[in-house]
PDB file of N, CA and C in Angstrom:
ATOM      1  N   MET A   1     100.459 123.265  64.104  1.00  0.00           N
ATOM      2  CA  MET A   1     100.993 124.133  63.078  1.00  0.00           C
ATOM      3  C   MET A   1     102.473 124.393  63.363  1.00  0.00           C
ATOM      4  N   THR A   2     103.305 124.336  62.340  1.00  0.00           N
ATOM      5  CA  THR A   2     104.720 124.662  62.505  1.00  0.00           C
ATOM      6  C   THR A   2     104.870 126.179  62.619  1.00  0.00           C
ATOM      7  N   ASN A   3     106.054 126.617  63.031  1.00  0.00           N
ATOM      8  CA  ASN A   3     106.306 128.060  63.114  1.00  0.00           C
ATOM      9  C   ASN A   3     106.134 128.728  61.751  1.00  0.00           C
ATOM     10  N   ARG A   4     106.633 128.071  60.713  1.00  0.00           N
ATOM     11  CA  ARG A   4     106.493 128.609  59.357  1.00  0.00           C
ATOM     12  C   ARG A   4     105.020 128.717  58.959  1.00  0.00           C
ATOM     13  N   GLU A   5     104.239 127.705  59.267  1.00  0.00           N
ATOM     14  CA  GLU A   5     102.806 127.729  58.944  1.00  0.00           C
ATOM     15  C   GLU A   5     102.093 128.859  59.696  1.00  0.00           C
ATOM     16  N   LYS A   6     102.504 129.111  60.925  1.00  0.00           N
ATOM     17  CA  LYS A   6     101.909 130.210  61.705  1.00  0.00           C
ATOM     18  C   LYS A   6     102.205 131.555  61.048  1.00  0.00           C
ATOM     19  N   ILE A   7     103.451 131.754  60.620  1.00  0.00           N
ATOM     20  CA  ILE A   7     103.822 133.008  59.967  1.00  0.00           C
ATOM     21  C   ILE A   7     103.109 133.133  58.619  1.00  0.00           C
ATOM     22  N   GLU A   8     103.012 132.052  57.884  1.00  0.00           N
ATOM     23  CA  GLU A   8     102.288 132.087  56.610  1.00  0.00           C
ATOM     24  C   GLU A   8     100.818 132.419  56.832  1.00  0.00           C
ATOM     25  N   PHE A   9     100.215 131.871  57.874  1.00  0.00           N
ATOM     26  CA  PHE A   9      98.820 132.202  58.181  1.00  0.00           C
ATOM     27  C   PHE A   9      98.697 133.679  58.545  1.00  0.00           C
ATOM     28  N   LEU A  10      99.635 134.173  59.341  1.00  0.00           N
ATOM     29  CA  LEU A  10      99.632 135.572  59.754  1.00  0.00           C
ATOM     30  C   LEU A  10      99.595 136.498  58.543  1.00  0.00           C
ATOM     31  N   TYR A  11     100.446 136.225  57.565  1.00  0.00           N
ATOM     32  CA  TYR A  11     100.571 137.104  56.409  1.00  0.00           C
ATOM     33  C   TYR A  11      99.668 136.737  55.235  1.00  0.00           C
ATOM     34  N   LYS A  12      99.551 135.460  54.925  1.00  0.00           N
ATOM     35  CA  LYS A  12      98.835 135.057  53.720  1.00  0.00           C
ATOM     36  C   LYS A  12      97.341 134.834  53.930  1.00  0.00           C
ATOM     37  N   GLU A  13      96.946 134.518  55.145  1.00  0.00           N
ATOM     38  CA  GLU A  13      95.544 134.193  55.419  1.00  0.00           C
ATOM     39  C   GLU A  13      94.864 135.251  56.286  1.00  0.00           C
ATOM     40  N   ASP A  14      95.441 136.449  56.323  1.00  0.00           N
ATOM     41  CA  ASP A  14      94.858 137.574  57.054  1.00  0.00           C
ATOM     42  C   ASP A  14      94.799 137.342  58.564  1.00  0.00           C
ATOM     43  N   GLY A  15      95.786 136.596  59.076  1.00  0.00           N
ATOM     44  CA  GLY A  15      95.860 136.349  60.510  1.00  0.00           C
ATOM     45  C   GLY A  15      96.037 137.605  61.332  1.00  0.00           C
ATOM     46  N   ILE A  16      96.541 138.685  60.710  1.00  0.00           N
ATOM     47  CA  ILE A  16      96.720 139.943  61.426  1.00  0.00           C
ATOM     48  C   ILE A  16      95.375 140.528  61.867  1.00  0.00           C
ATOM     49  N   ARG A  17      94.303 140.150  61.207  1.00  0.00           N
ATOM     50  CA  ARG A  17      92.961 140.637  61.568  1.00  0.00           C
ATOM     51  C   ARG A  17      92.286 139.752  62.615  1.00  0.00           C
ATOM     52  N   ASP A  18      92.884 138.629  62.938  1.00  0.00           N
ATOM     53  CA  ASP A  18      92.289 137.642  63.849  1.00  0.00           C
ATOM     54  C   ASP A  18      92.922 137.776  65.234  1.00  0.00           C
ATOM     55  N   LYS A  19      92.269 138.512  66.107  1.00  0.00           N
ATOM     56  CA  LYS A  19      92.826 138.803  67.430  1.00  0.00           C
ATOM     57  C   LYS A  19      93.006 137.539  68.268  1.00  0.00           C
ATOM     58  N   GLN A  20      92.120 136.572  68.118  1.00  0.00           N
ATOM     59  CA  GLN A  20      92.241 135.309  68.859  1.00  0.00           C
ATOM     60  C   GLN A  20      93.491 134.556  68.403  1.00  0.00           C
ATOM     61  N   PHE A  21      93.737 134.510  67.100  1.00  0.00           N
ATOM     62  CA  PHE A  21      94.948 133.882  66.570  1.00  0.00           C
ATOM     63  C   PHE A  21      96.191 134.604  67.079  1.00  0.00           C
ATOM     64  N   LEU A  22      96.183 135.940  67.006  1.00  0.00           N
ATOM     65  CA  LEU A  22      97.330 136.724  67.457  1.00  0.00           C
ATOM     66  C   LEU A  22      97.620 136.496  68.941  1.00  0.00           C
ATOM     67  N   ASN A  23      96.579 136.456  69.738  1.00  0.00           N
ATOM     68  CA  ASN A  23      96.756 136.247  71.176  1.00  0.00           C
ATOM     69  C   ASN A  23      97.408 134.896  71.455  1.00  0.00           C
ATOM     70  N   ALA A  24      97.049 133.880  70.664  1.00  0.00           N
ATOM     71  CA  ALA A  24      97.643 132.551  70.831  1.00  0.00           C
ATOM     72  C   ALA A  24      99.055 132.487  70.241  1.00  0.00           C
ATOM     73  N   LEU A  25      99.329 133.281  69.216  1.00  0.00           N
ATOM     74  CA  LEU A  25     100.624 133.264  68.531  1.00  0.00           C
ATOM     75  C   LEU A  25     101.718 133.991  69.303  1.00  0.00           C
ATOM     76  N   ILE A  26     101.357 135.048  69.984  1.00  0.00           N
ATOM     77  CA  ILE A  26     102.349 135.934  70.597  1.00  0.00           C
ATOM     78  C   ILE A  26     102.517 135.618  72.078  1.00  0.00           C
ATOM     79  N   HIS A  27     103.750 135.436  72.470  1.00  0.00           N
ATOM     80  CA  HIS A  27     104.122 135.154  73.862  1.00  0.00           C
ATOM     81  C   HIS A  27     103.765 136.361  74.734  1.00  0.00           C
ATOM     82  N   ASP A  28     103.390 136.122  75.975  1.00  0.00           N
ATOM     83  CA  ASP A  28     103.051 137.215  76.889  1.00  0.00           C
ATOM     84  C   ASP A  28     104.228 138.155  77.133  1.00  0.00           C
ATOM     85  N   ASP A  29     105.455 137.649  77.042  1.00  0.00           N
ATOM     86  CA  ASP A  29     106.655 138.467  77.248  1.00  0.00           C
ATOM     87  C   ASP A  29     107.228 139.017  75.938  1.00  0.00           C
ATOM     88  N   PHE A  30     106.402 139.053  74.910  1.00  0.00           N
ATOM     89  CA  PHE A  30     106.795 139.510  73.578  1.00  0.00           C
ATOM     90  C   PHE A  30     107.360 140.925  73.598  1.00  0.00           C
ATOM     91  N   LYS A  31     108.400 141.128  72.790  1.00  0.00           N
ATOM     92  CA  LYS A  31     108.987 142.454  72.595  1.00  0.00           C
ATOM     93  C   LYS A  31     109.263 142.626  71.105  1.00  0.00           C
ATOM     94  N   LEU A  32     108.850 143.765  70.559  1.00  0.00           N
ATOM     95  CA  LEU A  32     109.083 144.091  69.157  1.00  0.00           C
ATOM     96  C   LEU A  32     109.910 145.368  69.085  1.00  0.00           C
ATOM     97  N   GLU A  33     111.034 145.281  68.384  1.00  0.00           N
ATOM     98  CA  GLU A  33     111.839 146.467  68.105  1.00  0.00           C
ATOM     99  C   GLU A  33     111.533 146.875  66.667  1.00  0.00           C
ATOM    100  N   TRP A  34     111.026 148.093  66.494  1.00  0.00           N
ATOM    101  CA  TRP A  34     110.579 148.553  65.184  1.00  0.00           C
ATOM    102  C   TRP A  34     111.350 149.805  64.789  1.00  0.00           C
ATOM    103  N   ASP A  35     112.108 149.691  63.703  1.00  0.00           N
ATOM    104  CA  ASP A  35     112.784 150.839  63.106  1.00  0.00           C
ATOM    105  C   ASP A  35     111.944 151.318  61.938  1.00  0.00           C
ATOM    106  N   SER A  36     111.426 152.543  62.059  1.00  0.00           N
ATOM    107  CA  SER A  36     110.575 153.107  61.015  1.00  0.00           C
ATOM    108  C   SER A  36     111.022 154.525  60.710  1.00  0.00           C
ATOM    109  N   SER A  37     110.279 155.196  59.858  1.00  0.00           N
ATOM    110  CA  SER A  37     110.603 156.585  59.540  1.00  0.00           C
ATOM    111  C   SER A  37     110.447 157.485  60.764  1.00  0.00           C
ATOM    112  N   SER A  38     109.748 157.016  61.783  1.00  0.00           N
ATOM    113  CA  SER A  38     109.565 157.768  63.034  1.00  0.00           C
ATOM    114  C   SER A  38     110.682 157.506  64.033  1.00  0.00           C
ATOM    115  N   GLY A  39     111.583 156.578  63.728  1.00  0.00           N
ATOM    116  CA  GLY A  39     112.670 156.241  64.642  1.00  0.00           C
ATOM    117  C   GLY A  39     112.528 154.823  65.160  1.00  0.00           C
ATOM    118  N   ASN A  40     113.225 154.536  66.252  1.00  0.00           N
ATOM    119  CA  ASN A  40     113.223 153.198  66.841  1.00  0.00           C
ATOM    120  C   ASN A  40     112.240 153.158  68.015  1.00  0.00           C
ATOM    121  N   THR A  41     111.384 152.135  68.027  1.00  0.00           N
ATOM    122  CA  THR A  41     110.378 151.995  69.069  1.00  0.00           C
ATOM    123  C   THR A  41     110.391 150.564  69.576  1.00  0.00           C
ATOM    124  N   ILE A  42     110.207 150.397  70.879  1.00  0.00           N
ATOM    125  CA  ILE A  42     110.064 149.075  71.482  1.00  0.00           C
ATOM    126  C   ILE A  42     108.589 148.912  71.849  1.00  0.00           C
ATOM    127  N   LEU A  43     107.986 147.832  71.354  1.00  0.00           N
ATOM    128  CA  LEU A  43     106.549 147.613  71.533  1.00  0.00           C
ATOM    129  C   LEU A  43     106.295 146.252  72.168  1.00  0.00           C
ATOM    130  N   ASP A  44     105.062 146.051  72.662  1.00  0.00           N
ATOM    131  CA  ASP A  44     104.718 144.808  73.341  1.00  0.00           C
ATOM    132  C   ASP A  44     103.540 144.109  72.664  1.00  0.00           C
ATOM    133  N   LYS A  45     103.084 143.041  73.276  1.00  0.00           N
ATOM    134  CA  LYS A  45     101.988 142.233  72.744  1.00  0.00           C
ATOM    135  C   LYS A  45     100.721 143.065  72.551  1.00  0.00           C
ATOM    136  N   ASN A  46     100.424 143.940  73.511  1.00  0.00           N
ATOM    137  CA  ASN A  46      99.216 144.759  73.404  1.00  0.00           C
ATOM    138  C   ASN A  46      99.233 145.646  72.165  1.00  0.00           C
ATOM    139  N   PHE A  47     100.413 146.105  71.764  1.00  0.00           N
ATOM    140  CA  PHE A  47     100.512 146.916  70.557  1.00  0.00           C
ATOM    141  C   PHE A  47     100.020 146.120  69.344  1.00  0.00           C
ATOM    142  N   ILE A  48     100.460 144.872  69.221  1.00  0.00           N
ATOM    143  CA  ILE A  48     100.062 144.036  68.079  1.00  0.00           C
ATOM    144  C   ILE A  48      98.561 143.773  68.109  1.00  0.00           C
ATOM    145  N   LEU A  49      98.033 143.477  69.278  1.00  0.00           N
ATOM    146  CA  LEU A  49      96.592 143.242  69.397  1.00  0.00           C
ATOM    147  C   LEU A  49      95.804 144.500  69.029  1.00  0.00           C
ATOM    148  N   ASN A  50      96.277 145.667  69.444  1.00  0.00           N
ATOM    149  CA  ASN A  50      95.619 146.922  69.083  1.00  0.00           C
ATOM    150  C   ASN A  50      95.786 147.235  67.602  1.00  0.00           C
ATOM    151  N   LEU A  51      96.935 146.867  67.024  1.00  0.00           N
ATOM    152  CA  LEU A  51      97.158 147.061  65.600  1.00  0.00           C
ATOM    153  C   LEU A  51      96.133 146.281  64.781  1.00  0.00           C
ATOM    154  N   SER A  52      95.789 145.108  65.242  1.00  0.00           N
ATOM    155  CA  SER A  52      94.766 144.303  64.577  1.00  0.00           C
ATOM    156  C   SER A  52      93.439 145.068  64.538  1.00  0.00           C
ATOM    157  N   ASP A  53      93.073 145.680  65.650  1.00  0.00           N
ATOM    158  CA  ASP A  53      91.843 146.481  65.699  1.00  0.00           C
ATOM    159  C   ASP A  53      91.915 147.662  64.738  1.00  0.00           C
ATOM    160  N   GLU A  54      93.076 148.325  64.688  1.00  0.00           N
ATOM    161  CA  GLU A  54      93.266 149.480  63.800  1.00  0.00           C
ATOM    162  C   GLU A  54      93.114 149.075  62.330  1.00  0.00           C
ATOM    163  N   ILE A  55      93.709 147.958  61.972  1.00  0.00           N
ATOM    164  CA  ILE A  55      93.617 147.483  60.588  1.00  0.00           C
ATOM    165  C   ILE A  55      92.168 147.158  60.250  1.00  0.00           C
ATOM    166  N   ASN A  56      91.489 146.471  61.151  1.00  0.00           N
ATOM    167  CA  ASN A  56      90.078 146.136  60.913  1.00  0.00           C
ATOM    168  C   ASN A  56      89.209 147.385  60.794  1.00  0.00           C
ATOM    169  N   ALA A  57      89.484 148.400  61.595  1.00  0.00           N
ATOM    170  CA  ALA A  57      88.669 149.616  61.607  1.00  0.00           C
ATOM    171  C   ALA A  57      88.919 150.519  60.402  1.00  0.00           C
ATOM    172  N   ASN A  58      90.123 150.497  59.855  1.00  0.00           N
ATOM    173  CA  ASN A  58      90.485 151.485  58.846  1.00  0.00           C
ATOM    174  C   ASN A  58      90.615 150.975  57.421  1.00  0.00           C
ATOM    175  N   TYR A  59      90.759 149.667  57.252  1.00  0.00           N
ATOM    176  CA  TYR A  59      91.011 149.145  55.916  1.00  0.00           C
ATOM    177  C   TYR A  59      90.006 148.074  55.518  1.00  0.00           C
ATOM    178  N   GLU A  60      89.432 148.263  54.355  1.00  0.00           N
ATOM    179  CA  GLU A  60      88.534 147.273  53.777  1.00  0.00           C
ATOM    180  C   GLU A  60      89.338 146.034  53.371  1.00  0.00           C
ATOM    181  N   ILE A  61      90.520 146.289  52.829  1.00  0.00           N
ATOM    182  CA  ILE A  61      91.428 145.238  52.378  1.00  0.00           C
ATOM    183  C   ILE A  61      92.801 145.526  52.961  1.00  0.00           C
ATOM    184  N   SER A  62      93.464 144.497  53.451  1.00  0.00           N
ATOM    185  CA  SER A  62      94.837 144.601  53.922  1.00  0.00           C
ATOM    186  C   SER A  62      95.505 143.275  53.599  1.00  0.00           C
ATOM    187  N   TYR A  63      96.560 143.336  52.801  1.00  0.00           N
ATOM    188  CA  TYR A  63      97.247 142.083  52.497  1.00  0.00           C
ATOM    189  C   TYR A  63      98.739 142.320  52.322  1.00  0.00           C
ATOM    190  N   PHE A  64      99.472 141.210  52.349  1.00  0.00           N
ATOM    191  CA  PHE A  64     100.925 141.246  52.317  1.00  0.00           C
ATOM    192  C   PHE A  64     101.416 140.454  51.116  1.00  0.00           C
ATOM    193  N   GLU A  65     102.251 141.077  50.307  1.00  0.00           N
ATOM    194  CA  GLU A  65     102.898 140.388  49.191  1.00  0.00           C
ATOM    195  C   GLU A  65     104.282 139.965  49.670  1.00  0.00           C
ATOM    196  N   ILE A  66     104.437 138.686  49.944  1.00  0.00           N
ATOM    197  CA  ILE A  66     105.699 138.171  50.469  1.00  0.00           C
ATOM    198  C   ILE A  66     106.640 137.868  49.304  1.00  0.00           C
ATOM    199  N   SER A  67     107.859 138.410  49.381  1.00  0.00           N
ATOM    200  CA  SER A  67     108.863 138.092  48.368  1.00  0.00           C
ATOM    201  C   SER A  67     109.913 137.122  48.912  1.00  0.00           C
ATOM    202  N   HIS A  68     110.123 137.116  50.231  1.00  0.00           N
ATOM    203  CA  HIS A  68     111.096 136.219  50.852  1.00  0.00           C
ATOM    204  C   HIS A  68     110.548 135.703  52.177  1.00  0.00           C
ATOM    205  N   LEU A  69     110.742 134.430  52.419  1.00  0.00           N
ATOM    206  CA  LEU A  69     110.402 133.810  53.699  1.00  0.00           C
ATOM    207  C   LEU A  69     111.492 132.775  53.981  1.00  0.00           C
ATOM    208  N   ILE A  70     112.341 133.103  54.956  1.00  0.00           N
ATOM    209  CA  ILE A  70     113.508 132.278  55.250  1.00  0.00           C
ATOM    210  C   ILE A  70     113.419 131.807  56.693  1.00  0.00           C
ATOM    211  N   GLU A  71     113.615 130.512  56.901  1.00  0.00           N
ATOM    212  CA  GLU A  71     113.536 129.941  58.244  1.00  0.00           C
ATOM    213  C   GLU A  71     114.898 129.374  58.634  1.00  0.00           C
ATOM    214  N   ASP A  72     115.300 129.659  59.861  1.00  0.00           N
ATOM    215  CA  ASP A  72     116.540 129.132  60.405  1.00  0.00           C
ATOM    216  C   ASP A  72     116.323 128.833  61.880  1.00  0.00           C
ATOM    217  N   ASN A  73     116.200 127.569  62.208  1.00  0.00           N
ATOM    218  CA  ASN A  73     115.938 127.131  63.584  1.00  0.00           C
ATOM    219  C   ASN A  73     114.690 127.808  64.134  1.00  0.00           C
ATOM    220  N   SER A  74     114.839 128.642  65.148  1.00  0.00           N
ATOM    221  CA  SER A  74     113.670 129.262  65.787  1.00  0.00           C
ATOM    222  C   SER A  74     113.367 130.652  65.235  1.00  0.00           C
ATOM    223  N   GLN A  75     114.022 131.050  64.146  1.00  0.00           N
ATOM    224  CA  GLN A  75     113.789 132.373  63.572  1.00  0.00           C
ATOM    225  C   GLN A  75     113.256 132.278  62.153  1.00  0.00           C
ATOM    226  N   LEU A  76     112.366 133.226  61.826  1.00  0.00           N
ATOM    227  CA  LEU A  76     111.868 133.367  60.464  1.00  0.00           C
ATOM    228  C   LEU A  76     112.043 134.808  60.034  1.00  0.00           C
ATOM    229  N   VAL A  77     112.518 134.985  58.803  1.00  0.00           N
ATOM    230  CA  VAL A  77     112.683 136.314  58.223  1.00  0.00           C
ATOM    231  C   VAL A  77     111.685 136.432  57.075  1.00  0.00           C
ATOM    232  N   VAL A  78     110.949 137.545  57.065  1.00  0.00           N
ATOM    233  CA  VAL A  78     109.940 137.773  56.041  1.00  0.00           C
ATOM    234  C   VAL A  78     110.168 139.150  55.439  1.00  0.00           C
ATOM    235  N   LYS A  79     110.238 139.197  54.115  1.00  0.00           N
ATOM    236  CA  LYS A  79     110.298 140.480  53.404  1.00  0.00           C
ATOM    237  C   LYS A  79     108.995 140.588  52.619  1.00  0.00           C
ATOM    238  N   TYR A  80     108.312 141.726  52.803  1.00  0.00           N
ATOM    239  CA  TYR A  80     107.002 141.855  52.169  1.00  0.00           C
ATOM    240  C   TYR A  80     106.632 143.314  51.918  1.00  0.00           C
ATOM    241  N   ASN A  81     105.647 143.483  51.053  1.00  0.00           N
ATOM    242  CA  ASN A  81     104.998 144.772  50.823  1.00  0.00           C
ATOM    243  C   ASN A  81     103.618 144.691  51.454  1.00  0.00           C
ATOM    244  N   HIS A  82     103.245 145.736  52.205  1.00  0.00           N
ATOM    245  CA  HIS A  82     101.918 145.781  52.831  1.00  0.00           C
ATOM    246  C   HIS A  82     101.049 146.698  51.985  1.00  0.00           C
ATOM    247  N   LYS A  83      99.960 146.130  51.480  1.00  0.00           N
ATOM    248  CA  LYS A  83      99.037 146.872  50.621  1.00  0.00           C
ATOM    249  C   LYS A  83      97.660 146.911  51.269  1.00  0.00           C
ATOM    250  N   VAL A  84      96.969 148.028  51.057  1.00  0.00           N
ATOM    251  CA  VAL A  84      95.660 148.211  51.666  1.00  0.00           C
ATOM    252  C   VAL A  84      94.715 148.941  50.724  1.00  0.00           C
ATOM    253  N   ALA A  85      93.432 148.844  51.045  1.00  0.00           N
ATOM    254  CA  ALA A  85      92.396 149.678  50.443  1.00  0.00           C
ATOM    255  C   ALA A  85      91.572 150.213  51.605  1.00  0.00           C
ATOM    256  N   THR A  86      91.348 151.514  51.609  1.00  0.00           N
ATOM    257  CA  THR A  86      90.600 152.124  52.705  1.00  0.00           C
ATOM    258  C   THR A  86      89.110 151.819  52.593  1.00  0.00           C
ATOM    259  N   ILE A  87      88.420 152.001  53.689  1.00  0.00           N
ATOM    260  CA  ILE A  87      86.969 151.809  53.702  1.00  0.00           C
ATOM    261  C   ILE A  87      86.310 152.830  52.779  1.00  0.00           C
ATOM    262  N   GLU A  88      86.865 154.044  52.747  1.00  0.00           N
ATOM    263  CA  GLU A  88      86.305 155.105  51.906  1.00  0.00           C
ATOM    264  C   GLU A  88      86.512 154.847  50.417  1.00  0.00           C
ATOM    265  N   ASN A  89      87.571 154.136  50.065  1.00  0.00           N
ATOM    266  CA  ASN A  89      87.890 153.898  48.668  1.00  0.00           C
ATOM    267  C   ASN A  89      88.354 152.445  48.483  1.00  0.00           C
ATOM    268  N   PRO A  90      87.428 151.491  48.608  1.00  0.00           N
ATOM    269  CA  PRO A  90      87.818 150.072  48.616  1.00  0.00           C
ATOM    270  C   PRO A  90      88.328 149.527  47.278  1.00  0.00           C
ATOM    271  N   LYS A  91      88.181 150.271  46.200  1.00  0.00           N
ATOM    272  CA  LYS A  91      88.632 149.784  44.898  1.00  0.00           C
ATOM    273  C   LYS A  91      90.069 150.188  44.578  1.00  0.00           C
ATOM    274  N   GLU A  92      90.651 151.069  45.376  1.00  0.00           N
ATOM    275  CA  GLU A  92      92.014 151.531  45.129  1.00  0.00           C
ATOM    276  C   GLU A  92      92.977 150.882  46.116  1.00  0.00           C
ATOM    277  N   ILE A  93      93.820 149.984  45.606  1.00  0.00           N
ATOM    278  CA  ILE A  93      94.831 149.310  46.422  1.00  0.00           C
ATOM    279  C   ILE A  93      96.088 150.183  46.453  1.00  0.00           C
ATOM    280  N   MET A  94      96.580 150.445  47.677  1.00  0.00           N
ATOM    281  CA  MET A  94      97.768 151.287  47.841  1.00  0.00           C
ATOM    282  C   MET A  94      98.851 150.524  48.598  1.00  0.00           C
ATOM    283  N   LEU A  95     100.081 150.701  48.153  1.00  0.00           N
ATOM    284  CA  LEU A  95     101.231 150.194  48.894  1.00  0.00           C
ATOM    285  C   LEU A  95     101.499 151.181  50.025  1.00  0.00           C
ATOM    286  N   ILE A  96     101.470 150.693  51.283  1.00  0.00           N
ATOM    287  CA  ILE A  96     101.735 151.622  52.386  1.00  0.00           C
ATOM    288  C   ILE A  96     103.113 151.432  53.004  1.00  0.00           C
ATOM    289  N   ALA A  97     103.713 150.251  52.832  1.00  0.00           N
ATOM    290  CA  ALA A  97     105.040 150.061  53.421  1.00  0.00           C
ATOM    291  C   ALA A  97     105.745 148.862  52.797  1.00  0.00           C
ATOM    292  N   LYS A  98     107.069 148.962  52.793  1.00  0.00           N
ATOM    293  CA  LYS A  98     107.948 147.842  52.464  1.00  0.00           C
ATOM    294  C   LYS A  98     108.606 147.442  53.773  1.00  0.00           C
ATOM    295  N   VAL A  99     108.597 146.147  54.079  1.00  0.00           N
ATOM    296  CA  VAL A  99     108.969 145.703  55.424  1.00  0.00           C
ATOM    297  C   VAL A  99     109.866 144.467  55.371  1.00  0.00           C
ATOM    298  N   VAL A 100     110.801 144.407  56.316  1.00  0.00           N
ATOM    299  CA  VAL A 100     111.537 143.184  56.617  1.00  0.00           C
ATOM    300  C   VAL A 100     111.318 142.916  58.100  1.00  0.00           C
ATOM    301  N   ALA A 101     110.883 141.706  58.409  1.00  0.00           N
ATOM    302  CA  ALA A 101     110.613 141.321  59.793  1.00  0.00           C
ATOM    303  C   ALA A 101     111.395 140.059  60.136  1.00  0.00           C
ATOM    304  N   ILE A 102     111.901 140.028  61.356  1.00  0.00           N
ATOM    305  CA  ILE A 102     112.570 138.838  61.887  1.00  0.00           C
ATOM    306  C   ILE A 102     111.790 138.426  63.135  1.00  0.00           C
ATOM    307  N   TRP A 103     111.257 137.221  63.122  1.00  0.00           N
ATOM    308  CA  TRP A 103     110.466 136.710  64.244  1.00  0.00           C
ATOM    309  C   TRP A 103     111.219 135.568  64.917  1.00  0.00           C
ATOM    310  N   THR A 104     111.318 135.608  66.242  1.00  0.00           N
ATOM    311  CA  THR A 104     111.963 134.558  67.021  1.00  0.00           C
ATOM    312  C   THR A 104     110.914 133.843  67.855  1.00  0.00           C
ATOM    313  N   PHE A 105     110.899 132.514  67.747  1.00  0.00           N
ATOM    314  CA  PHE A 105     109.934 131.691  68.475  1.00  0.00           C
ATOM    315  C   PHE A 105     110.560 131.069  69.719  1.00  0.00           C
ATOM    316  N   GLN A 106     109.745 130.966  70.752  1.00  0.00           N
ATOM    317  CA  GLN A 106     110.095 130.239  71.974  1.00  0.00           C
ATOM    318  C   GLN A 106     108.808 129.581  72.456  1.00  0.00           C
ATOM    319  N   ASP A 107     108.871 128.306  72.772  1.00  0.00           N
ATOM    320  CA  ASP A 107     107.686 127.572  73.233  1.00  0.00           C
ATOM    321  C   ASP A 107     106.521 127.695  72.252  1.00  0.00           C
ATOM    322  N   GLU A 108     106.829 127.650  70.956  1.00  0.00           N
ATOM    323  CA  GLU A 108     105.853 127.680  69.867  1.00  0.00           C
ATOM    324  C   GLU A 108     105.095 129.003  69.744  1.00  0.00           C
ATOM    325  N   LYS A 109     105.634 130.065  70.369  1.00  0.00           N
ATOM    326  CA  LYS A 109     105.040 131.394  70.274  1.00  0.00           C
ATOM    327  C   LYS A 109     106.128 132.393  69.892  1.00  0.00           C
ATOM    328  N   ILE A 110     105.717 133.515  69.294  1.00  0.00           N
ATOM    329  CA  ILE A 110     106.690 134.555  68.969  1.00  0.00           C
ATOM    330  C   ILE A 110     107.046 135.290  70.251  1.00  0.00           C
ATOM    331  N   ILE A 111     108.334 135.279  70.588  1.00  0.00           N
ATOM    332  CA  ILE A 111     108.829 135.938  71.801  1.00  0.00           C
ATOM    333  C   ILE A 111     109.456 137.294  71.466  1.00  0.00           C
ATOM    334  N   ASN A 112     110.133 137.386  70.309  1.00  0.00           N
ATOM    335  CA  ASN A 112     110.794 138.630  69.906  1.00  0.00           C
ATOM    336  C   ASN A 112     110.565 138.891  68.428  1.00  0.00           C
ATOM    337  N   GLY A 113     110.547 140.171  68.100  1.00  0.00           N
ATOM    338  CA  GLY A 113     110.455 140.570  66.719  1.00  0.00           C
ATOM    339  C   GLY A 113     111.323 141.773  66.451  1.00  0.00           C
ATOM    340  N   TYR A 114     111.815 141.852  65.237  1.00  0.00           N
ATOM    341  CA  TYR A 114     112.536 143.032  64.783  1.00  0.00           C
ATOM    342  C   TYR A 114     111.928 143.386  63.434  1.00  0.00           C
ATOM    343  N   LEU A 115     111.538 144.642  63.281  1.00  0.00           N
ATOM    344  CA  LEU A 115     110.865 145.082  62.079  1.00  0.00           C
ATOM    345  C   LEU A 115     111.551 146.345  61.583  1.00  0.00           C
ATOM    346  N   ILE A 116     111.820 146.396  60.291  1.00  0.00           N
ATOM    347  CA  ILE A 116     112.301 147.621  59.687  1.00  0.00           C
ATOM    348  C   ILE A 116     111.365 147.908  58.511  1.00  0.00           C
ATOM    349  N   SER A 117     110.837 149.124  58.510  1.00  0.00           N
ATOM    350  CA  SER A 117     109.860 149.454  57.481  1.00  0.00           C
ATOM    351  C   SER A 117     110.192 150.788  56.813  1.00  0.00           C
ATOM    352  N   LYS A 118     109.734 150.874  55.585  1.00  0.00           N
ATOM    353  CA  LYS A 118     109.922 152.080  54.795  1.00  0.00           C
ATOM    354  C   LYS A 118     108.569 152.413  54.164  1.00  0.00           C
ATOM    355  N   PRO A 119     108.074 153.617  54.417  1.00  0.00           N
ATOM    356  CA  PRO A 119     106.790 153.965  53.792  1.00  0.00           C
ATOM    357  C   PRO A 119     106.933 154.035  52.264  1.00  0.00           C
ATOM    358  N   SER A 120     105.837 153.829  51.581  1.00  0.00           N
ATOM    359  CA  SER A 120     105.896 153.854  50.116  1.00  0.00           C
ATOM    360  C   SER A 120     105.994 155.262  49.590  1.00  0.00           C
TER     361      SER A 120
END
């Protein structure tokens, strides 16, 4: 799989819910810098793996509407809306965040990420 195909699987094929895929996709030395409404946070691989569990536990549906996907050498930029439906109300789809992510690959794995998000 190319780097672009991996990112497309992550977002378009619900790869965020697949912990085995995530473990293979993310480098052990992974670092994510996330600017959100809570401020700036530096996170690691375990955060992403735990996020997968959180999404599986709390949302019946979770999907990403990608508006931009740009690739340049070892980096991919993705702009998307994250939409979900809760387990309690699976028929109501809600926009929970607007996001821009920059992923950097090394040795065919994501080594660094930068995420900026805005709640809906």
